[in-house]
Amino acid sequence: MTATNGVEALAALDGEPSRPALVLLDMRMPILDGWGFMRAVRERGLSLSVVVMTAAADARRWAHEIGAHGVLAKPFELEELIAAVQRFQSSSI
């Protein structure tokens, strides 16, 4: 599943009977950013494993603020992405 912003991501979650094993979340998205997306996820009572993907210097703090399981710093190599998916896909909030 893919989405270009937080509103699309929420709509995709609402339209699916099963939840994704992992959400790779960019914090700086148009329309609804990562903070707003996670706030809406919590309001819906959903449990999702989340890895923040960002080039921001304070990425770890942001991930902690929203309760994400991990951080993947941009730019990243394909191997780093695969390792993050394998590590965090079975985590639970």
N, C-alpha and C. Protein backbone atom coordinates (compact mmCIF):
# COMPACT_ATOMS: atom_id res chain seq x y z
N MET A 1 0.84 -1.17 0.00
CA MET A 1 0.00 0.00 0.00
C MET A 1 0.89 1.24 0.00
N THR A 2 0.53 2.24 -0.74
CA THR A 2 1.27 3.50 -0.75
C THR A 2 0.30 4.66 -0.62
N ALA A 3 0.84 5.77 -0.13
CA ALA A 3 0.05 7.00 -0.02
C ALA A 3 1.01 8.18 -0.16
N THR A 4 0.54 9.26 -0.75
CA THR A 4 1.40 10.43 -0.93
C THR A 4 1.27 11.44 0.20
N ASN A 5 0.30 11.23 1.08
CA ASN A 5 0.15 12.12 2.23
C ASN A 5 -0.63 11.38 3.33
N GLY A 6 -0.72 12.00 4.49
CA GLY A 6 -1.36 11.36 5.63
C GLY A 6 -2.84 11.09 5.43
N VAL A 7 -3.54 11.96 4.71
CA VAL A 7 -4.97 11.76 4.47
C VAL A 7 -5.18 10.50 3.62
N GLU A 8 -4.37 10.35 2.57
CA GLU A 8 -4.47 9.15 1.74
C GLU A 8 -4.13 7.90 2.55
N ALA A 9 -3.12 8.01 3.42
CA ALA A 9 -2.73 6.86 4.23
C ALA A 9 -3.85 6.43 5.17
N LEU A 10 -4.51 7.40 5.80
CA LEU A 10 -5.64 7.07 6.68
C LEU A 10 -6.78 6.45 5.90
N ALA A 11 -7.07 6.98 4.72
CA ALA A 11 -8.13 6.41 3.89
C ALA A 11 -7.79 4.98 3.49
N ALA A 12 -6.53 4.73 3.19
CA ALA A 12 -6.12 3.37 2.84
C ALA A 12 -6.29 2.43 4.03
N LEU A 13 -5.92 2.89 5.22
CA LEU A 13 -6.09 2.07 6.42
C LEU A 13 -7.57 1.80 6.68
N ASP A 14 -8.39 2.82 6.53
CA ASP A 14 -9.82 2.67 6.79
C ASP A 14 -10.48 1.73 5.80
N GLY A 15 -9.92 1.66 4.58
CA GLY A 15 -10.52 0.83 3.55
C GLY A 15 -10.04 -0.61 3.53
N GLU A 16 -9.09 -0.95 4.39
CA GLU A 16 -8.53 -2.30 4.39
C GLU A 16 -9.03 -3.09 5.59
N PRO A 17 -9.43 -4.34 5.39
CA PRO A 17 -9.88 -5.17 6.53
C PRO A 17 -8.72 -5.59 7.44
N SER A 18 -7.51 -5.67 6.89
CA SER A 18 -6.35 -6.04 7.72
C SER A 18 -5.36 -4.88 7.73
N ARG A 19 -4.61 -4.79 8.80
CA ARG A 19 -3.63 -3.71 8.96
C ARG A 19 -2.29 -4.13 8.37
N PRO A 20 -1.51 -3.16 7.87
CA PRO A 20 -0.18 -3.50 7.36
C PRO A 20 0.73 -3.95 8.51
N ALA A 21 1.70 -4.79 8.17
CA ALA A 21 2.66 -5.27 9.17
C ALA A 21 3.59 -4.14 9.62
N LEU A 22 3.77 -3.13 8.76
CA LEU A 22 4.69 -2.04 9.07
C LEU A 22 4.31 -0.82 8.26
N VAL A 23 4.42 0.36 8.89
CA VAL A 23 4.22 1.63 8.20
C VAL A 23 5.55 2.35 8.16
N LEU A 24 6.00 2.69 6.95
CA LEU A 24 7.18 3.52 6.75
C LEU A 24 6.65 4.94 6.60
N LEU A 25 6.92 5.78 7.59
CA LEU A 25 6.25 7.08 7.70
C LEU A 25 7.22 8.23 7.51
N ASP A 26 6.94 9.05 6.52
CA ASP A 26 7.66 10.30 6.33
C ASP A 26 6.97 11.34 7.21
N MET A 27 7.72 12.08 7.98
CA MET A 27 7.12 13.05 8.89
C MET A 27 6.65 14.32 8.18
N ARG A 28 7.31 14.67 7.10
CA ARG A 28 6.98 15.91 6.39
C ARG A 28 6.23 15.59 5.11
N MET A 29 4.94 15.35 5.26
CA MET A 29 4.07 15.08 4.12
C MET A 29 3.12 16.25 3.94
N PRO A 30 2.65 16.46 2.70
CA PRO A 30 1.65 17.51 2.49
C PRO A 30 0.29 17.09 3.06
N ILE A 31 -0.56 18.03 3.25
CA ILE A 31 -1.95 17.89 3.68
C ILE A 31 -2.04 17.42 5.14
N LEU A 32 -1.48 16.26 5.47
CA LEU A 32 -1.47 15.76 6.85
C LEU A 32 -0.10 15.14 7.09
N ASP A 33 0.68 15.73 7.99
CA ASP A 33 2.05 15.26 8.23
C ASP A 33 2.08 14.03 9.14
N GLY A 34 3.28 13.57 9.45
CA GLY A 34 3.44 12.36 10.26
C GLY A 34 2.85 12.48 11.65
N TRP A 35 2.97 13.65 12.27
CA TRP A 35 2.40 13.85 13.61
C TRP A 35 0.88 13.73 13.56
N GLY A 36 0.28 14.39 12.56
CA GLY A 36 -1.17 14.33 12.41
C GLY A 36 -1.66 12.93 12.07
N PHE A 37 -0.91 12.24 11.23
CA PHE A 37 -1.26 10.87 10.88
C PHE A 37 -1.27 9.99 12.12
N MET A 38 -0.23 10.07 12.93
CA MET A 38 -0.15 9.24 14.13
C MET A 38 -1.21 9.62 15.16
N ARG A 39 -1.53 10.90 15.26
CA ARG A 39 -2.59 11.34 16.16
C ARG A 39 -3.92 10.69 15.73
N ALA A 40 -4.19 10.70 14.43
CA ALA A 40 -5.42 10.10 13.91
C ALA A 40 -5.41 8.58 14.10
N VAL A 41 -4.27 7.94 13.95
CA VAL A 41 -4.16 6.49 14.17
C VAL A 41 -4.52 6.17 15.62
N ARG A 42 -3.97 6.94 16.56
CA ARG A 42 -4.27 6.71 17.99
C ARG A 42 -5.75 6.95 18.27
N GLU A 43 -6.33 8.01 17.68
CA GLU A 43 -7.76 8.30 17.89
C GLU A 43 -8.64 7.16 17.39
N ARG A 44 -8.19 6.46 16.36
CA ARG A 44 -8.93 5.32 15.82
C ARG A 44 -8.68 4.04 16.62
N GLY A 45 -7.75 4.10 17.55
CA GLY A 45 -7.43 2.94 18.38
C GLY A 45 -6.66 1.86 17.64
N LEU A 46 -5.94 2.25 16.59
CA LEU A 46 -5.19 1.28 15.79
C LEU A 46 -3.80 1.05 16.37
N SER A 47 -3.32 -0.17 16.27
CA SER A 47 -1.96 -0.52 16.65
C SER A 47 -1.17 -0.81 15.38
N LEU A 48 -0.14 -0.02 15.15
CA LEU A 48 0.69 -0.17 13.96
C LEU A 48 2.16 -0.12 14.34
N SER A 49 2.97 -0.93 13.70
CA SER A 49 4.41 -0.80 13.80
C SER A 49 4.82 0.29 12.83
N VAL A 50 5.62 1.26 13.32
CA VAL A 50 5.96 2.42 12.52
C VAL A 50 7.46 2.66 12.55
N VAL A 51 8.03 2.92 11.37
CA VAL A 51 9.41 3.36 11.25
C VAL A 51 9.37 4.72 10.57
N VAL A 52 9.94 5.73 11.21
CA VAL A 52 10.01 7.08 10.66
C VAL A 52 11.14 7.13 9.64
N MET A 53 10.83 7.67 8.47
CA MET A 53 11.84 7.88 7.43
C MET A 53 11.95 9.39 7.20
N THR A 54 13.11 9.95 7.51
CA THR A 54 13.29 11.39 7.34
C THR A 54 14.76 11.74 7.25
N ALA A 55 15.02 12.88 6.64
CA ALA A 55 16.38 13.40 6.55
C ALA A 55 16.64 14.43 7.66
N ALA A 56 15.68 14.68 8.51
CA ALA A 56 15.81 15.68 9.56
C ALA A 56 16.84 15.27 10.60
N ALA A 57 17.56 16.24 11.11
CA ALA A 57 18.58 15.99 12.12
C ALA A 57 17.99 15.47 13.43
N ASP A 58 16.76 15.85 13.73
CA ASP A 58 16.13 15.43 14.98
C ASP A 58 15.15 14.26 14.78
N ALA A 59 15.47 13.38 13.85
CA ALA A 59 14.61 12.26 13.51
C ALA A 59 14.33 11.35 14.69
N ARG A 60 15.31 11.05 15.50
CA ARG A 60 15.11 10.16 16.66
C ARG A 60 14.14 10.77 17.66
N ARG A 61 14.25 12.06 17.88
CA ARG A 61 13.32 12.74 18.79
C ARG A 61 11.90 12.68 18.23
N TRP A 62 11.76 12.93 16.94
CA TRP A 62 10.44 12.87 16.32
C TRP A 62 9.84 11.48 16.44
N ALA A 63 10.67 10.47 16.18
CA ALA A 63 10.18 9.08 16.28
C ALA A 63 9.72 8.79 17.69
N HIS A 64 10.47 9.25 18.67
CA HIS A 64 10.09 9.05 20.07
C HIS A 64 8.78 9.78 20.38
N GLU A 65 8.63 11.00 19.89
CA GLU A 65 7.42 11.80 20.13
C GLU A 65 6.16 11.08 19.66
N ILE A 66 6.24 10.39 18.55
CA ILE A 66 5.03 9.75 18.00
C ILE A 66 4.92 8.28 18.38
N GLY A 67 5.91 7.76 19.10
CA GLY A 67 5.86 6.36 19.53
C GLY A 67 6.26 5.38 18.45
N ALA A 68 7.10 5.81 17.51
CA ALA A 68 7.55 4.93 16.44
C ALA A 68 8.54 3.91 16.98
N HIS A 69 8.64 2.79 16.31
CA HIS A 69 9.55 1.73 16.71
C HIS A 69 10.98 1.97 16.26
N GLY A 70 11.16 2.73 15.19
CA GLY A 70 12.51 2.95 14.68
C GLY A 70 12.59 4.13 13.76
N VAL A 71 13.81 4.38 13.29
CA VAL A 71 14.10 5.51 12.42
C VAL A 71 14.97 5.00 11.27
N LEU A 72 14.69 5.47 10.08
CA LEU A 72 15.51 5.18 8.91
C LEU A 72 15.90 6.53 8.33
N ALA A 73 17.18 6.88 8.44
CA ALA A 73 17.66 8.20 8.01
C ALA A 73 17.81 8.25 6.50
N LYS A 74 17.26 9.30 5.90
CA LYS A 74 17.43 9.54 4.47
C LYS A 74 18.73 10.30 4.25
N PRO A 75 19.44 10.06 3.19
CA PRO A 75 19.22 8.98 2.23
C PRO A 75 19.66 7.65 2.83
N PHE A 76 19.06 6.58 2.37
CA PHE A 76 19.42 5.26 2.87
C PHE A 76 19.63 4.32 1.69
N GLU A 77 20.35 3.26 1.96
CA GLU A 77 20.60 2.23 0.96
C GLU A 77 19.47 1.20 1.01
N LEU A 78 19.27 0.50 -0.07
CA LEU A 78 18.24 -0.52 -0.14
C LEU A 78 18.41 -1.56 0.97
N GLU A 79 19.64 -1.92 1.26
CA GLU A 79 19.90 -2.91 2.30
C GLU A 79 19.44 -2.42 3.67
N GLU A 80 19.58 -1.12 3.93
CA GLU A 80 19.12 -0.55 5.20
C GLU A 80 17.60 -0.61 5.30
N LEU A 81 16.92 -0.34 4.19
CA LEU A 81 15.47 -0.42 4.16
C LEU A 81 15.01 -1.85 4.42
N ILE A 82 15.61 -2.80 3.75
CA ILE A 82 15.24 -4.21 3.94
C ILE A 82 15.48 -4.63 5.39
N ALA A 83 16.61 -4.23 5.96
CA ALA A 83 16.90 -4.58 7.36
C ALA A 83 15.88 -3.97 8.31
N ALA A 84 15.47 -2.72 8.07
CA ALA A 84 14.47 -2.08 8.92
C ALA A 84 13.13 -2.79 8.83
N VAL A 85 12.75 -3.15 7.63
CA VAL A 85 11.47 -3.86 7.45
C VAL A 85 11.51 -5.20 8.17
N GLN A 86 12.59 -5.94 8.01
CA GLN A 86 12.70 -7.23 8.68
C GLN A 86 12.71 -7.08 10.20
N ARG A 87 13.37 -6.06 10.69
CA ARG A 87 13.48 -5.86 12.15
C ARG A 87 12.17 -5.43 12.79
N PHE A 88 11.46 -4.54 12.14
CA PHE A 88 10.31 -3.90 12.79
C PHE A 88 8.95 -4.39 12.33
N GLN A 89 8.85 -5.23 11.33
CA GLN A 89 7.55 -5.62 10.80
C GLN A 89 6.71 -6.41 11.80
N SER A 90 7.33 -7.03 12.77
CA SER A 90 6.55 -7.82 13.74
C SER A 90 6.43 -7.12 15.09
N SER A 91 6.90 -5.86 15.21
CA SER A 91 6.78 -5.13 16.46
C SER A 91 5.33 -4.75 16.68
N SER A 92 4.98 -4.48 17.93
CA SER A 92 3.62 -4.02 18.20
C SER A 92 3.69 -2.83 19.13
N ILE A 93 2.77 -1.92 18.96
CA ILE A 93 2.71 -0.71 19.79
C ILE A 93 2.08 -1.04 21.12
